Amino acid sequence: MTTKNAFEAGFIPHNNPCAQCLRPIGSPLFWEVTEHGVDYIWRCEACDYEFTAFAMHPNEDDQRVAA
């Protein structure tokens, strides 16, 4: 049995809090699917802070997801 990860199911994170000022960011500027997960670039319009986040694809041995 194979499971879809959240990105494959059409989920794109939204309203992620800014790492600097904690205001919600509507959606990432850019995302890239890699072999092990998804890289996101976020930019806060309120304070102009830019940061990256990584979400790991769960596998059959390990069901944890980090962001």
PDB file of N, CA and C in Angstrom:
ATOM      1  N   MET A   1       0.829  -1.175   0.000  1.00  0.00           N
ATOM      2  CA  MET A   1       0.000   0.000   0.000  1.00  0.00           C
ATOM      3  C   MET A   1       0.885   1.254   0.000  1.00  0.00           C
ATOM      4  N   THR A   2       0.617   2.173  -0.895  1.00  0.00           N
ATOM      5  CA  THR A   2       1.373   3.418  -0.927  1.00  0.00           C
ATOM      6  C   THR A   2       0.495   4.551  -0.415  1.00  0.00           C
ATOM      7  N   THR A   3       1.124   5.489   0.245  1.00  0.00           N
ATOM      8  CA  THR A   3       0.390   6.637   0.754  1.00  0.00           C
ATOM      9  C   THR A   3       0.880   7.892   0.054  1.00  0.00           C
ATOM     10  N   LYS A   4      -0.031   8.827  -0.181  1.00  0.00           N
ATOM     11  CA  LYS A   4       0.341  10.108  -0.771  1.00  0.00           C
ATOM     12  C   LYS A   4       0.804  11.038   0.336  1.00  0.00           C
ATOM     13  N   ASN A   5       1.847  11.809   0.036  1.00  0.00           N
ATOM     14  CA  ASN A   5       2.213  12.836   0.997  1.00  0.00           C
ATOM     15  C   ASN A   5       1.274  14.018   0.811  1.00  0.00           C
ATOM     16  N   ALA A   6       1.303  14.941   1.746  1.00  0.00           N
ATOM     17  CA  ALA A   6       0.377  16.074   1.713  1.00  0.00           C
ATOM     18  C   ALA A   6       0.544  16.907   0.446  1.00  0.00           C
ATOM     19  N   PHE A   7       1.775  17.090  -0.034  1.00  0.00           N
ATOM     20  CA  PHE A   7       2.003  17.887  -1.235  1.00  0.00           C
ATOM     21  C   PHE A   7       1.396  17.200  -2.457  1.00  0.00           C
ATOM     22  N   GLU A   8       1.568  15.886  -2.570  1.00  0.00           N
ATOM     23  CA  GLU A   8       0.992  15.147  -3.695  1.00  0.00           C
ATOM     24  C   GLU A   8      -0.533  15.194  -3.663  1.00  0.00           C
ATOM     25  N   ALA A   9      -1.097  15.325  -2.473  1.00  0.00           N
ATOM     26  CA  ALA A   9      -2.548  15.382  -2.339  1.00  0.00           C
ATOM     27  C   ALA A   9      -3.081  16.781  -2.631  1.00  0.00           C
ATOM     28  N   GLY A  10      -2.203  17.722  -2.992  1.00  0.00           N
ATOM     29  CA  GLY A  10      -2.627  19.062  -3.358  1.00  0.00           C
ATOM     30  C   GLY A  10      -2.562  20.073  -2.229  1.00  0.00           C
ATOM     31  N   PHE A  11      -1.968  19.700  -1.097  1.00  0.00           N
ATOM     32  CA  PHE A  11      -1.882  20.616   0.033  1.00  0.00           C
ATOM     33  C   PHE A  11      -0.652  21.501  -0.100  1.00  0.00           C
ATOM     34  N   ILE A  12      -0.865  22.806  -0.065  1.00  0.00           N
ATOM     35  CA  ILE A  12       0.230  23.774   0.000  1.00  0.00           C
ATOM     36  C   ILE A  12       0.004  24.560   1.280  1.00  0.00           C
ATOM     37  N   PRO A  13       1.019  24.634   2.144  1.00  0.00           N
ATOM     38  CA  PRO A  13       0.808  25.328   3.412  1.00  0.00           C
ATOM     39  C   PRO A  13       0.431  26.789   3.202  1.00  0.00           C
ATOM     40  N   HIS A  14      -0.319  27.332   4.120  1.00  0.00           N
ATOM     41  CA  HIS A  14      -0.712  28.735   4.054  1.00  0.00           C
ATOM     42  C   HIS A  14      -0.793  29.287   5.470  1.00  0.00           C
ATOM     43  N   ASN A  15      -0.687  30.603   5.558  1.00  0.00           N
ATOM     44  CA  ASN A  15      -0.705  31.310   6.839  1.00  0.00           C
ATOM     45  C   ASN A  15       0.368  30.828   7.811  1.00  0.00           C
ATOM     46  N   ASN A  16       1.518  30.434   7.254  1.00  0.00           N
ATOM     47  CA  ASN A  16       2.665  30.078   8.081  1.00  0.00           C
ATOM     48  C   ASN A  16       3.143  31.342   8.794  1.00  0.00           C
ATOM     49  N   PRO A  17       3.437  31.294  10.102  1.00  0.00           N
ATOM     50  CA  PRO A  17       3.888  32.503  10.772  1.00  0.00           C
ATOM     51  C   PRO A  17       5.306  32.890  10.350  1.00  0.00           C
ATOM     52  N   CYS A  18       5.538  34.173  10.240  1.00  0.00           N
ATOM     53  CA  CYS A  18       6.863  34.690   9.923  1.00  0.00           C
ATOM     54  C   CYS A  18       7.827  34.308  11.043  1.00  0.00           C
ATOM     55  N   ALA A  19       9.023  33.878  10.689  1.00  0.00           N
ATOM     56  CA  ALA A  19      10.022  33.499  11.684  1.00  0.00           C
ATOM     57  C   ALA A  19      10.586  34.717  12.422  1.00  0.00           C
ATOM     58  N   GLN A  20      10.361  35.912  11.900  1.00  0.00           N
ATOM     59  CA  GLN A  20      10.870  37.140  12.509  1.00  0.00           C
ATOM     60  C   GLN A  20       9.795  37.847  13.345  1.00  0.00           C
ATOM     61  N   CYS A  21       8.644  38.163  12.741  1.00  0.00           N
ATOM     62  CA  CYS A  21       7.623  38.974  13.427  1.00  0.00           C
ATOM     63  C   CYS A  21       6.360  38.189  13.788  1.00  0.00           C
ATOM     64  N   LEU A  22       6.278  36.930  13.366  1.00  0.00           N
ATOM     65  CA  LEU A  22       5.179  36.012  13.672  1.00  0.00           C
ATOM     66  C   LEU A  22       3.851  36.336  12.979  1.00  0.00           C
ATOM     67  N   ARG A  23       3.837  37.300  12.075  1.00  0.00           N
ATOM     68  CA  ARG A  23       2.602  37.569  11.325  1.00  0.00           C
ATOM     69  C   ARG A  23       2.398  36.459  10.298  1.00  0.00           C
ATOM     70  N   PRO A  24       1.151  36.088  10.022  1.00  0.00           N
ATOM     71  CA  PRO A  24       0.910  35.004   9.063  1.00  0.00           C
ATOM     72  C   PRO A  24       1.283  35.407   7.631  1.00  0.00           C
ATOM     73  N   ILE A  25       1.863  34.456   6.906  1.00  0.00           N
ATOM     74  CA  ILE A  25       2.213  34.642   5.496  1.00  0.00           C
ATOM     75  C   ILE A  25       1.247  33.785   4.696  1.00  0.00           C
ATOM     76  N   GLY A  26       0.574  34.388   3.739  1.00  0.00           N
ATOM     77  CA  GLY A  26      -0.481  33.707   2.989  1.00  0.00           C
ATOM     78  C   GLY A  26      -0.059  32.415   2.333  1.00  0.00           C
ATOM     79  N   SER A  27       1.050  32.416   1.612  1.00  0.00           N
ATOM     80  CA  SER A  27       1.532  31.213   0.937  1.00  0.00           C
ATOM     81  C   SER A  27       3.015  31.386   0.626  1.00  0.00           C
ATOM     82  N   PRO A  28       3.727  30.288   0.380  1.00  0.00           N
ATOM     83  CA  PRO A  28       5.147  30.404   0.066  1.00  0.00           C
ATOM     84  C   PRO A  28       5.367  31.069  -1.296  1.00  0.00           C
ATOM     85  N   LEU A  29       6.507  31.744  -1.423  1.00  0.00           N
ATOM     86  CA  LEU A  29       6.881  32.334  -2.708  1.00  0.00           C
ATOM     87  C   LEU A  29       7.215  31.253  -3.729  1.00  0.00           C
ATOM     88  N   PHE A  30       7.855  30.196  -3.245  1.00  0.00           N
ATOM     89  CA  PHE A  30       8.379  29.156  -4.123  1.00  0.00           C
ATOM     90  C   PHE A  30       8.432  27.854  -3.351  1.00  0.00           C
ATOM     91  N   TRP A  31       8.241  26.750  -4.037  1.00  0.00           N
ATOM     92  CA  TRP A  31       8.448  25.441  -3.428  1.00  0.00           C
ATOM     93  C   TRP A  31       9.022  24.511  -4.470  1.00  0.00           C
ATOM     94  N   GLU A  32       9.810  23.550  -3.988  1.00  0.00           N
ATOM     95  CA  GLU A  32      10.444  22.576  -4.870  1.00  0.00           C
ATOM     96  C   GLU A  32      10.335  21.205  -4.228  1.00  0.00           C
ATOM     97  N   VAL A  33       9.808  20.265  -4.966  1.00  0.00           N
ATOM     98  CA  VAL A  33       9.698  18.893  -4.488  1.00  0.00           C
ATOM     99  C   VAL A  33      11.028  18.198  -4.750  1.00  0.00           C
ATOM    100  N   THR A  34      11.579  17.585  -3.712  1.00  0.00           N
ATOM    101  CA  THR A  34      12.823  16.837  -3.828  1.00  0.00           C
ATOM    102  C   THR A  34      12.534  15.366  -3.554  1.00  0.00           C
ATOM    103  N   GLU A  35      13.556  14.574  -3.604  1.00  0.00           N
ATOM    104  CA  GLU A  35      13.407  13.136  -3.343  1.00  0.00           C
ATOM    105  C   GLU A  35      12.916  12.871  -1.917  1.00  0.00           C
ATOM    106  N   HIS A  36      13.304  13.722  -0.978  1.00  0.00           N
ATOM    107  CA  HIS A  36      13.009  13.477   0.436  1.00  0.00           C
ATOM    108  C   HIS A  36      11.925  14.371   1.021  1.00  0.00           C
ATOM    109  N   GLY A  37      11.479  15.370   0.281  1.00  0.00           N
ATOM    110  CA  GLY A  37      10.467  16.261   0.836  1.00  0.00           C
ATOM    111  C   GLY A  37      10.220  17.462  -0.060  1.00  0.00           C
ATOM    112  N   VAL A  38       9.805  18.556   0.570  1.00  0.00           N
ATOM    113  CA  VAL A  38       9.500  19.782  -0.160  1.00  0.00           C
ATOM    114  C   VAL A  38      10.209  20.946   0.523  1.00  0.00           C
ATOM    115  N   ASP A  39      10.949  21.727  -0.255  1.00  0.00           N
ATOM    116  CA  ASP A  39      11.581  22.956   0.221  1.00  0.00           C
ATOM    117  C   ASP A  39      10.650  24.116  -0.075  1.00  0.00           C
ATOM    118  N   TYR A  40      10.475  25.007   0.893  1.00  0.00           N
ATOM    119  CA  TYR A  40       9.624  26.183   0.719  1.00  0.00           C
ATOM    120  C   TYR A  40      10.431  27.445   0.974  1.00  0.00           C
ATOM    121  N   ILE A  41      10.164  28.502   0.217  1.00  0.00           N
ATOM    122  CA  ILE A  41      10.711  29.824   0.505  1.00  0.00           C
ATOM    123  C   ILE A  41       9.538  30.724   0.872  1.00  0.00           C
ATOM    124  N   TRP A  42       9.649  31.346   2.031  1.00  0.00           N
ATOM    125  CA  TRP A  42       8.618  32.235   2.550  1.00  0.00           C
ATOM    126  C   TRP A  42       9.188  33.642   2.636  1.00  0.00           C
ATOM    127  N   ARG A  43       8.362  34.660   2.341  1.00  0.00           N
ATOM    128  CA  ARG A  43       8.771  36.054   2.530  1.00  0.00           C
ATOM    129  C   ARG A  43       7.619  36.813   3.156  1.00  0.00           C
ATOM    130  N   CYS A  44       7.918  37.466   4.262  1.00  0.00           N
ATOM    131  CA  CYS A  44       6.921  38.232   4.993  1.00  0.00           C
ATOM    132  C   CYS A  44       6.792  39.621   4.379  1.00  0.00           C
ATOM    133  N   GLU A  45       5.596  39.986   3.978  1.00  0.00           N
ATOM    134  CA  GLU A  45       5.365  41.316   3.419  1.00  0.00           C
ATOM    135  C   GLU A  45       5.382  42.385   4.504  1.00  0.00           C
ATOM    136  N   ALA A  46       5.111  42.015   5.755  1.00  0.00           N
ATOM    137  CA  ALA A  46       5.073  42.986   6.845  1.00  0.00           C
ATOM    138  C   ALA A  46       6.470  43.474   7.233  1.00  0.00           C
ATOM    139  N   CYS A  47       7.439  42.545   7.325  1.00  0.00           N
ATOM    140  CA  CYS A  47       8.781  42.942   7.781  1.00  0.00           C
ATOM    141  C   CYS A  47       9.872  42.631   6.760  1.00  0.00           C
ATOM    142  N   ASP A  48       9.501  42.062   5.605  1.00  0.00           N
ATOM    143  CA  ASP A  48      10.419  41.752   4.504  1.00  0.00           C
ATOM    144  C   ASP A  48      11.442  40.663   4.849  1.00  0.00           C
ATOM    145  N   TYR A  49      11.169  39.880   5.891  1.00  0.00           N
ATOM    146  CA  TYR A  49      12.061  38.776   6.260  1.00  0.00           C
ATOM    147  C   TYR A  49      11.802  37.597   5.336  1.00  0.00           C
ATOM    148  N   GLU A  50      12.860  36.942   4.878  1.00  0.00           N
ATOM    149  CA  GLU A  50      12.734  35.775   4.002  1.00  0.00           C
ATOM    150  C   GLU A  50      13.416  34.581   4.662  1.00  0.00           C
ATOM    151  N   PHE A  51      12.758  33.427   4.607  1.00  0.00           N
ATOM    152  CA  PHE A  51      13.323  32.222   5.212  1.00  0.00           C
ATOM    153  C   PHE A  51      12.865  30.995   4.445  1.00  0.00           C
ATOM    154  N   THR A  52      13.540  29.891   4.685  1.00  0.00           N
ATOM    155  CA  THR A  52      13.185  28.633   4.040  1.00  0.00           C
ATOM    156  C   THR A  52      12.683  27.649   5.093  1.00  0.00           C
ATOM    157  N   ALA A  53      11.899  26.693   4.638  1.00  0.00           N
ATOM    158  CA  ALA A  53      11.418  25.603   5.483  1.00  0.00           C
ATOM    159  C   ALA A  53      11.442  24.330   4.645  1.00  0.00           C
ATOM    160  N   PHE A  54      11.583  23.196   5.309  1.00  0.00           N
ATOM    161  CA  PHE A  54      11.633  21.908   4.629  1.00  0.00           C
ATOM    162  C   PHE A  54      10.641  20.964   5.281  1.00  0.00           C
ATOM    163  N   ALA A  55       9.810  20.334   4.478  1.00  0.00           N
ATOM    164  CA  ALA A  55       8.874  19.324   4.972  1.00  0.00           C
ATOM    165  C   ALA A  55       9.305  17.974   4.414  1.00  0.00           C
ATOM    166  N   MET A  56       9.548  17.014   5.291  1.00  0.00           N
ATOM    167  CA  MET A  56       9.993  15.684   4.868  1.00  0.00           C
ATOM    168  C   MET A  56       8.810  14.825   4.471  1.00  0.00           C
ATOM    169  N   HIS A  57       8.998  14.026   3.413  1.00  0.00           N
ATOM    170  CA  HIS A  57       7.996  13.031   3.043  1.00  0.00           C
ATOM    171  C   HIS A  57       8.099  11.880   4.032  1.00  0.00           C
ATOM    172  N   PRO A  58       6.998  11.465   4.610  1.00  0.00           N
ATOM    173  CA  PRO A  58       7.067  10.286   5.470  1.00  0.00           C
ATOM    174  C   PRO A  58       7.333   9.036   4.626  1.00  0.00           C
ATOM    175  N   ASN A  59       8.018   8.084   5.204  1.00  0.00           N
ATOM    176  CA  ASN A  59       8.211   6.813   4.517  1.00  0.00           C
ATOM    177  C   ASN A  59       7.619   5.698   5.370  1.00  0.00           C
ATOM    178  N   GLU A  60       7.679   4.495   4.891  1.00  0.00           N
ATOM    179  CA  GLU A  60       7.040   3.377   5.596  1.00  0.00           C
ATOM    180  C   GLU A  60       7.692   3.102   6.942  1.00  0.00           C
ATOM    181  N   ASP A  61       8.992   3.414   7.097  1.00  0.00           N
ATOM    182  CA  ASP A  61       9.695   3.142   8.342  1.00  0.00           C
ATOM    183  C   ASP A  61       9.527   4.247   9.368  1.00  0.00           C
ATOM    184  N   ASP A  62       9.265   5.455   8.915  1.00  0.00           N
ATOM    185  CA  ASP A  62       9.234   6.606   9.813  1.00  0.00           C
ATOM    186  C   ASP A  62       8.091   7.527   9.391  1.00  0.00           C
ATOM    187  N   GLN A  63       7.098   7.688  10.231  1.00  0.00           N
ATOM    188  CA  GLN A  63       5.927   8.479   9.885  1.00  0.00           C
ATOM    189  C   GLN A  63       6.000   9.933  10.375  1.00  0.00           C
ATOM    190  N   ARG A  64       7.158  10.368  10.871  1.00  0.00           N
ATOM    191  CA  ARG A  64       7.297  11.752  11.338  1.00  0.00           C
ATOM    192  C   ARG A  64       7.407  12.698  10.160  1.00  0.00           C
ATOM    193  N   VAL A  65       6.883  13.903  10.323  1.00  0.00           N
ATOM    194  CA  VAL A  65       7.005  14.955   9.315  1.00  0.00           C
ATOM    195  C   VAL A  65       7.546  16.190  10.020  1.00  0.00           C
ATOM    196  N   ALA A  66       8.615  16.750   9.484  1.00  0.00           N
ATOM    197  CA  ALA A  66       9.211  17.948  10.078  1.00  0.00           C
ATOM    198  C   ALA A  66       9.035  19.130   9.142  1.00  0.00           C
ATOM    199  N   ALA A  67       8.908  20.290   9.716  1.00  0.00           N
ATOM    200  CA  ALA A  67       8.804  21.515   8.906  1.00  0.00           C
ATOM    201  C   ALA A  67       9.607  22.615   9.535  1.00  0.00           C
TER     202      ALA A  67
END
